[in-house]
Amino acid sequence: MTEGYVLSLAQNALLVTLIIAAPVMFGSLIVGTLVSLFQAATSINEATLTFIPKVLVGGAILAILGSWMGQQLLAFTTTLFNNLASLPR
């Protein structure tokens, strides 16, 4: 196992993590910004008003893109296990 292999593995792991987490994070960011603008315009300062829409959007994105996210993670894990089997000891 060389340094290059370990760095490549870490880079691929971070990239897959970013790809999987990005849709939920961006959806929550957009909804949070819209709710914050609504709160600023109406002077409503309720903490649960931001929480519930974010959870609903996160759940909807997971319901829509969950199988794709699972496929990405499965492909990375399969590649990882196949490559680990061929490493010299």
Protein backbone atom coordinates (compact mmCIF):
# COMPACT_ATOMS: atom_id res chain seq x y z
CA MET A 1 0.00 0.00 0.00
CA THR A 2 1.67 3.19 -1.17
CA GLU A 3 1.14 6.77 -0.13
CA GLY A 4 -0.36 7.54 -3.52
CA TYR A 5 -2.94 4.82 -3.13
CA VAL A 6 -3.94 6.01 0.33
CA LEU A 7 -4.23 9.62 -0.85
CA SER A 8 -6.27 8.54 -3.87
CA LEU A 9 -8.55 6.49 -1.62
CA ALA A 10 -9.05 9.41 0.77
CA GLN A 11 -9.74 11.77 -2.14
CA ASN A 12 -12.32 9.43 -3.62
CA ALA A 13 -13.97 8.93 -0.22
CA LEU A 14 -14.29 12.67 0.30
CA LEU A 15 -15.62 13.15 -3.22
CA VAL A 16 -18.29 10.48 -2.77
CA THR A 17 -19.25 12.00 0.59
CA LEU A 18 -19.60 15.42 -1.02
CA ILE A 19 -21.66 14.06 -3.90
CA ILE A 20 -24.00 12.18 -1.58
CA ALA A 21 -24.46 15.01 0.94
CA ALA A 22 -24.71 17.93 -1.50
CA PRO A 23 -28.38 17.62 -2.56
CA VAL A 24 -29.68 17.53 1.02
CA MET A 25 -27.35 20.29 2.16
CA PHE A 26 -28.22 22.61 -0.74
CA GLY A 27 -31.93 21.94 -0.34
CA SER A 28 -31.75 22.78 3.36
CA LEU A 29 -29.67 25.87 2.59
CA ILE A 30 -32.20 27.20 0.09
CA VAL A 31 -35.20 26.50 2.34
CA GLY A 32 -33.43 27.98 5.37
CA THR A 33 -32.62 31.14 3.45
CA LEU A 34 -36.20 31.52 2.22
CA VAL A 35 -37.61 30.96 5.71
CA SER A 36 -35.12 33.44 7.17
CA LEU A 37 -36.17 36.06 4.63
CA PHE A 38 -39.81 35.40 5.53
CA GLN A 39 -39.02 35.73 9.23
CA ALA A 40 -37.14 38.98 8.65
CA ALA A 41 -39.98 40.40 6.58
CA THR A 42 -42.68 39.49 9.09
CA SER A 43 -40.64 39.87 12.32
CA ILE A 44 -41.54 36.35 13.42
CA ASN A 45 -38.83 34.89 15.64
CA GLU A 46 -39.84 31.27 16.06
CA ALA A 47 -37.09 28.62 16.11
CA THR A 48 -39.31 25.75 15.00
CA LEU A 49 -40.38 27.68 11.91
CA THR A 50 -36.97 27.01 10.34
CA PHE A 51 -36.64 23.44 11.57
CA ILE A 52 -39.80 21.86 10.16
CA PRO A 53 -39.40 22.98 6.51
CA LYS A 54 -35.75 21.89 6.49
CA VAL A 55 -36.68 18.43 7.77
CA LEU A 56 -39.47 18.12 5.21
CA VAL A 57 -37.23 19.16 2.32
CA GLY A 58 -34.44 16.88 3.52
CA GLY A 59 -36.86 13.96 3.74
CA ALA A 60 -38.28 14.71 0.29
CA ILE A 61 -34.82 14.87 -1.26
CA LEU A 62 -33.86 11.60 0.43
CA ALA A 63 -37.07 9.99 -0.82
CA ILE A 64 -36.43 11.17 -4.38
CA LEU A 65 -32.64 10.70 -4.58
CA GLY A 66 -32.11 8.03 -1.93
CA SER A 67 -31.72 5.15 -4.36
CA TRP A 68 -29.21 7.11 -6.44
CA MET A 69 -27.24 7.97 -3.29
CA GLY A 70 -27.23 4.33 -2.28
CA GLN A 71 -26.01 3.28 -5.73
CA GLN A 72 -23.14 5.78 -5.53
CA LEU A 73 -22.13 4.50 -2.12
CA LEU A 74 -22.44 0.87 -3.22
CA ALA A 75 -20.29 1.50 -6.31
CA PHE A 76 -17.58 3.15 -4.20
CA THR A 77 -17.64 0.37 -1.61
CA THR A 78 -17.51 -2.35 -4.27
CA THR A 79 -14.55 -0.66 -5.96
CA LEU A 80 -12.83 -0.27 -2.59
CA PHE A 81 -13.23 -3.94 -1.66
CA ASN A 82 -12.12 -5.11 -5.11
CA ASN A 83 -9.00 -2.94 -4.94
CA LEU A 84 -8.15 -3.99 -1.39
CA ALA A 85 -8.15 -7.64 -2.39
CA SER A 86 -5.44 -7.02 -4.99
CA LEU A 87 -3.03 -5.11 -2.72
CA PRO A 88 0.29 -6.73 -1.90
CA ARG A 89 0.88 -7.59 1.71
